[in-house]
Amino acid sequence: MAKPEYLCAMKLKALTRASFEDRYFDDLVELASAAGIKDAEQLTDLFFRFYPDEKLDPVAKAHIPEASALVLRPGRWPVGRGTSFVGSIFQWSVSTLGMRTRLCQCV
């Protein structure tokens, strides 16, 4: 299963002028929180750790400060742990849509 860090970098890569939607931004904030991101610099560094030879789209770059500020806001979304039908333990979060989103398989 993909780690929140990689999924977060993928969401940053997907944030472009042509594809920007609120749900992508919401996903970015949720994944950045799961990845332990504390500020805009860490979020930018995360992108380049997975995509060292690529440029960050200006739309994504413009949304990084807002995303990192929302990560630090207390009480965003409830988070919990669960067990899948095959016995895997995973962490979930309730997004703004009220859906459980599987974030990462816990060890």
N, C-alpha and C. Protein backbone atom coordinates (compact mmCIF):
# COMPACT_ATOMS: atom_id res chain seq x y z
N MET A 1 0.84 -1.17 0.00
CA MET A 1 0.00 0.00 0.00
C MET A 1 0.89 1.24 0.00
N ALA A 2 0.48 2.24 -0.74
CA ALA A 2 1.25 3.48 -0.83
C ALA A 2 1.21 4.24 0.49
N LYS A 3 2.32 4.84 0.83
CA LYS A 3 2.45 5.63 2.06
C LYS A 3 1.85 7.02 1.84
N PRO A 4 1.38 7.68 2.91
CA PRO A 4 0.80 9.02 2.78
C PRO A 4 1.76 10.03 2.15
N GLU A 5 3.07 9.87 2.40
CA GLU A 5 4.06 10.80 1.83
C GLU A 5 4.03 10.76 0.31
N TYR A 6 4.02 9.55 -0.24
CA TYR A 6 4.02 9.41 -1.70
C TYR A 6 2.70 9.90 -2.29
N LEU A 7 1.58 9.55 -1.66
CA LEU A 7 0.28 10.00 -2.15
C LEU A 7 0.16 11.52 -2.09
N CYS A 8 0.74 12.12 -1.06
CA CYS A 8 0.73 13.57 -0.93
C CYS A 8 1.52 14.21 -2.07
N ALA A 9 2.69 13.68 -2.37
CA ALA A 9 3.49 14.19 -3.49
C ALA A 9 2.74 14.03 -4.80
N MET A 10 2.04 12.93 -4.97
CA MET A 10 1.24 12.71 -6.18
C MET A 10 0.12 13.75 -6.29
N LYS A 11 -0.52 14.08 -5.18
CA LYS A 11 -1.59 15.09 -5.20
C LYS A 11 -1.02 16.46 -5.58
N LEU A 12 0.17 16.78 -5.07
CA LEU A 12 0.81 18.04 -5.46
C LEU A 12 1.09 18.06 -6.95
N LYS A 13 1.55 16.94 -7.47
CA LYS A 13 1.84 16.84 -8.90
C LYS A 13 0.57 17.01 -9.74
N ALA A 14 -0.54 16.53 -9.19
CA ALA A 14 -1.82 16.59 -9.92
C ALA A 14 -2.47 17.97 -9.87
N LEU A 15 -2.07 18.81 -8.91
CA LEU A 15 -2.67 20.15 -8.80
C LEU A 15 -2.12 21.06 -9.89
N THR A 16 -2.87 21.19 -10.95
CA THR A 16 -2.51 22.08 -12.05
C THR A 16 -3.71 22.96 -12.36
N ARG A 17 -3.49 23.97 -13.12
CA ARG A 17 -4.56 24.88 -13.51
C ARG A 17 -5.70 24.12 -14.19
N ALA A 18 -5.36 23.15 -15.02
CA ALA A 18 -6.36 22.41 -15.77
C ALA A 18 -7.12 21.40 -14.91
N SER A 19 -6.51 20.93 -13.84
CA SER A 19 -7.13 19.85 -13.07
C SER A 19 -7.56 20.24 -11.67
N PHE A 20 -7.33 21.48 -11.27
CA PHE A 20 -7.58 21.85 -9.87
C PHE A 20 -9.06 21.70 -9.52
N GLU A 21 -9.30 20.93 -8.49
CA GLU A 21 -10.63 20.79 -7.92
C GLU A 21 -10.48 20.81 -6.41
N ASP A 22 -11.52 21.23 -5.72
CA ASP A 22 -11.47 21.30 -4.25
C ASP A 22 -11.15 19.95 -3.63
N ARG A 23 -11.65 18.87 -4.21
CA ARG A 23 -11.41 17.57 -3.60
C ARG A 23 -9.93 17.20 -3.65
N TYR A 24 -9.22 17.61 -4.70
CA TYR A 24 -7.78 17.36 -4.76
C TYR A 24 -7.06 18.12 -3.65
N PHE A 25 -7.50 19.36 -3.43
CA PHE A 25 -6.89 20.16 -2.37
C PHE A 25 -7.20 19.55 -1.00
N ASP A 26 -8.45 19.13 -0.79
CA ASP A 26 -8.82 18.49 0.48
C ASP A 26 -8.01 17.22 0.71
N ASP A 27 -7.82 16.44 -0.35
CA ASP A 27 -7.00 15.23 -0.25
C ASP A 27 -5.56 15.58 0.12
N LEU A 28 -5.04 16.63 -0.49
CA LEU A 28 -3.67 17.06 -0.20
C LEU A 28 -3.52 17.40 1.27
N VAL A 29 -4.46 18.15 1.82
CA VAL A 29 -4.40 18.54 3.23
C VAL A 29 -4.47 17.30 4.12
N GLU A 30 -5.37 16.40 3.81
CA GLU A 30 -5.53 15.18 4.61
C GLU A 30 -4.27 14.32 4.57
N LEU A 31 -3.70 14.16 3.39
CA LEU A 31 -2.50 13.33 3.25
C LEU A 31 -1.28 14.00 3.89
N ALA A 32 -1.19 15.32 3.77
CA ALA A 32 -0.08 16.05 4.41
C ALA A 32 -0.15 15.87 5.92
N SER A 33 -1.34 15.90 6.46
CA SER A 33 -1.52 15.68 7.90
C SER A 33 -1.07 14.27 8.28
N ALA A 34 -1.49 13.28 7.49
CA ALA A 34 -1.11 11.88 7.77
C ALA A 34 0.40 11.67 7.63
N ALA A 35 1.03 12.47 6.77
CA ALA A 35 2.48 12.36 6.55
C ALA A 35 3.29 13.13 7.60
N GLY A 36 2.61 13.86 8.47
CA GLY A 36 3.31 14.61 9.52
C GLY A 36 3.90 15.92 9.06
N ILE A 37 3.40 16.47 7.98
CA ILE A 37 3.90 17.75 7.46
C ILE A 37 3.56 18.86 8.45
N LYS A 38 4.53 19.71 8.75
CA LYS A 38 4.34 20.79 9.72
C LYS A 38 4.35 22.18 9.11
N ASP A 39 4.92 22.33 7.90
CA ASP A 39 4.97 23.66 7.29
C ASP A 39 5.10 23.56 5.77
N ALA A 40 5.03 24.71 5.13
CA ALA A 40 5.07 24.77 3.67
C ALA A 40 6.39 24.24 3.10
N GLU A 41 7.48 24.51 3.80
CA GLU A 41 8.79 24.04 3.33
C GLU A 41 8.85 22.51 3.30
N GLN A 42 8.33 21.87 4.34
CA GLN A 42 8.31 20.40 4.36
C GLN A 42 7.45 19.84 3.23
N LEU A 43 6.35 20.50 2.93
CA LEU A 43 5.48 20.04 1.85
C LEU A 43 6.16 20.17 0.50
N THR A 44 6.87 21.26 0.29
CA THR A 44 7.63 21.45 -0.94
C THR A 44 8.76 20.43 -1.05
N ASP A 45 9.48 20.22 0.04
CA ASP A 45 10.56 19.23 0.06
C ASP A 45 10.04 17.83 -0.24
N LEU A 46 8.86 17.52 0.27
CA LEU A 46 8.26 16.22 0.02
C LEU A 46 8.05 15.98 -1.47
N PHE A 47 7.55 16.98 -2.16
CA PHE A 47 7.34 16.86 -3.61
C PHE A 47 8.65 16.53 -4.31
N PHE A 48 9.71 17.28 -4.00
CA PHE A 48 10.98 17.08 -4.70
C PHE A 48 11.72 15.82 -4.27
N ARG A 49 11.37 15.26 -3.12
CA ARG A 49 11.94 13.98 -2.72
C ARG A 49 11.46 12.87 -3.67
N PHE A 50 10.20 12.94 -4.10
CA PHE A 50 9.66 11.93 -5.00
C PHE A 50 9.78 12.30 -6.47
N TYR A 51 9.86 13.59 -6.76
CA TYR A 51 9.96 14.06 -8.15
C TYR A 51 11.12 15.05 -8.29
N PRO A 52 12.36 14.59 -8.10
CA PRO A 52 13.51 15.50 -8.07
C PRO A 52 13.80 16.22 -9.38
N ASP A 53 13.40 15.64 -10.49
CA ASP A 53 13.71 16.24 -11.79
C ASP A 53 12.54 17.01 -12.39
N GLU A 54 11.50 17.25 -11.62
CA GLU A 54 10.31 17.93 -12.15
C GLU A 54 10.11 19.27 -11.47
N LYS A 55 9.38 20.14 -12.16
CA LYS A 55 9.04 21.45 -11.59
C LYS A 55 7.67 21.35 -10.94
N LEU A 56 7.51 22.07 -9.87
CA LEU A 56 6.24 22.15 -9.19
C LEU A 56 5.36 23.13 -9.94
N ASP A 57 4.16 22.71 -10.32
CA ASP A 57 3.24 23.57 -11.06
C ASP A 57 2.93 24.83 -10.25
N PRO A 58 2.83 26.00 -10.91
CA PRO A 58 2.54 27.24 -10.19
C PRO A 58 1.25 27.19 -9.37
N VAL A 59 0.24 26.46 -9.84
CA VAL A 59 -1.00 26.34 -9.09
C VAL A 59 -0.75 25.58 -7.79
N ALA A 60 -0.03 24.49 -7.86
CA ALA A 60 0.30 23.72 -6.67
C ALA A 60 1.15 24.56 -5.72
N LYS A 61 2.13 25.25 -6.27
CA LYS A 61 3.03 26.08 -5.47
C LYS A 61 2.24 27.16 -4.71
N ALA A 62 1.24 27.73 -5.38
CA ALA A 62 0.44 28.79 -4.76
C ALA A 62 -0.44 28.25 -3.63
N HIS A 63 -0.80 26.98 -3.67
CA HIS A 63 -1.68 26.41 -2.66
C HIS A 63 -0.94 25.77 -1.48
N ILE A 64 0.36 25.65 -1.57
CA ILE A 64 1.13 25.01 -0.49
C ILE A 64 1.00 25.74 0.84
N PRO A 65 1.13 27.08 0.91
CA PRO A 65 1.00 27.75 2.21
C PRO A 65 -0.38 27.52 2.85
N GLU A 66 -1.42 27.59 2.04
CA GLU A 66 -2.77 27.36 2.56
C GLU A 66 -2.94 25.93 3.06
N ALA A 67 -2.45 24.97 2.29
CA ALA A 67 -2.56 23.57 2.68
C ALA A 67 -1.81 23.30 3.98
N SER A 68 -0.61 23.82 4.09
CA SER A 68 0.17 23.56 5.31
C SER A 68 -0.47 24.25 6.52
N ALA A 69 -1.10 25.40 6.33
CA ALA A 69 -1.79 26.07 7.44
C ALA A 69 -3.00 25.26 7.89
N LEU A 70 -3.71 24.65 6.96
CA LEU A 70 -4.87 23.83 7.32
C LEU A 70 -4.48 22.54 8.03
N VAL A 71 -3.30 22.02 7.71
CA VAL A 71 -2.82 20.82 8.37
C VAL A 71 -2.66 21.07 9.86
N LEU A 72 -2.20 22.25 10.21
CA LEU A 72 -1.93 22.59 11.60
C LEU A 72 -3.16 23.02 12.38
N ARG A 73 -4.27 23.26 11.67
CA ARG A 73 -5.49 23.69 12.34
C ARG A 73 -6.08 22.54 13.15
N PRO A 74 -6.28 22.73 14.45
CA PRO A 74 -6.80 21.63 15.27
C PRO A 74 -8.26 21.33 14.94
N GLY A 75 -8.63 20.08 15.10
CA GLY A 75 -10.01 19.67 14.93
C GLY A 75 -10.51 19.65 13.51
N ARG A 76 -9.62 19.48 12.54
CA ARG A 76 -10.03 19.44 11.14
C ARG A 76 -11.00 18.31 10.89
N TRP A 77 -10.50 17.11 10.96
CA TRP A 77 -11.30 15.92 10.69
C TRP A 77 -10.97 14.86 11.73
N PRO A 78 -11.98 14.12 12.19
CA PRO A 78 -11.67 13.03 13.11
C PRO A 78 -10.84 11.95 12.42
N VAL A 79 -9.96 11.35 13.16
CA VAL A 79 -9.11 10.28 12.64
C VAL A 79 -9.24 9.09 13.57
N GLY A 80 -9.18 7.90 13.02
CA GLY A 80 -9.28 6.71 13.85
C GLY A 80 -8.56 5.54 13.21
N ARG A 81 -8.67 4.39 13.84
CA ARG A 81 -8.07 3.17 13.31
C ARG A 81 -9.16 2.14 13.14
N GLY A 82 -8.95 1.25 12.20
CA GLY A 82 -9.91 0.19 11.96
C GLY A 82 -9.21 -1.07 11.51
N THR A 83 -9.99 -2.10 11.30
CA THR A 83 -9.46 -3.36 10.82
C THR A 83 -10.25 -3.76 9.58
N SER A 84 -9.55 -4.11 8.53
CA SER A 84 -10.22 -4.51 7.29
C SER A 84 -10.76 -5.93 7.43
N PHE A 85 -11.52 -6.36 6.44
CA PHE A 85 -12.11 -7.69 6.49
C PHE A 85 -11.08 -8.80 6.42
N VAL A 86 -9.85 -8.48 6.01
CA VAL A 86 -8.79 -9.50 5.98
C VAL A 86 -7.85 -9.37 7.18
N GLY A 87 -8.20 -8.50 8.12
CA GLY A 87 -7.42 -8.38 9.34
C GLY A 87 -6.34 -7.33 9.34
N SER A 88 -6.19 -6.56 8.24
CA SER A 88 -5.19 -5.48 8.22
C SER A 88 -5.68 -4.32 9.08
N ILE A 89 -4.77 -3.76 9.85
CA ILE A 89 -5.11 -2.58 10.65
C ILE A 89 -4.77 -1.36 9.80
N PHE A 90 -5.69 -0.40 9.75
CA PHE A 90 -5.44 0.80 8.96
C PHE A 90 -5.95 2.03 9.69
N GLN A 91 -5.45 3.19 9.28
CA GLN A 91 -5.87 4.47 9.83
C GLN A 91 -6.82 5.10 8.84
N TRP A 92 -7.86 5.76 9.33
CA TRP A 92 -8.80 6.43 8.45
C TRP A 92 -9.08 7.83 8.96
N SER A 93 -9.65 8.63 8.09
CA SER A 93 -10.02 9.99 8.44
C SER A 93 -11.37 10.30 7.82
N VAL A 94 -12.16 11.11 8.47
CA VAL A 94 -13.42 11.54 7.90
C VAL A 94 -13.15 12.84 7.15
N SER A 95 -13.32 12.80 5.85
CA SER A 95 -13.05 13.99 5.03
C SER A 95 -14.25 14.93 5.08
N THR A 96 -14.15 16.02 4.35
CA THR A 96 -15.24 16.99 4.30
C THR A 96 -16.48 16.38 3.65
N LEU A 97 -16.32 15.32 2.91
CA LEU A 97 -17.46 14.65 2.28
C LEU A 97 -18.11 13.65 3.24
N GLY A 98 -17.50 13.45 4.40
CA GLY A 98 -18.04 12.53 5.36
C GLY A 98 -17.77 11.08 5.05
N MET A 99 -16.80 10.82 4.23
CA MET A 99 -16.46 9.45 3.84
C MET A 99 -15.19 9.01 4.56
N ARG A 100 -15.11 7.74 4.86
CA ARG A 100 -13.87 7.22 5.44
C ARG A 100 -12.87 7.04 4.31
N THR A 101 -11.68 7.52 4.53
CA THR A 101 -10.62 7.41 3.54
C THR A 101 -9.49 6.62 4.15
N ARG A 102 -9.10 5.54 3.51
CA ARG A 102 -8.00 4.73 4.01
C ARG A 102 -6.71 5.47 3.76
N LEU A 103 -5.96 5.77 4.80
CA LEU A 103 -4.75 6.56 4.67
C LEU A 103 -3.50 5.69 4.57
N CYS A 104 -3.31 4.80 5.51
CA CYS A 104 -2.09 4.03 5.49
C CYS A 104 -2.29 2.75 6.29
N GLN A 105 -1.62 1.74 5.87
CA GLN A 105 -1.66 0.50 6.64
C GLN A 105 -0.70 0.65 7.81
N CYS A 106 -1.20 0.45 8.98
CA CYS A 106 -0.40 0.63 10.18
C CYS A 106 0.39 -0.64 10.47
N VAL A 107 1.53 -0.46 11.06
CA VAL A 107 2.38 -1.61 11.39
C VAL A 107 2.02 -2.15 12.74
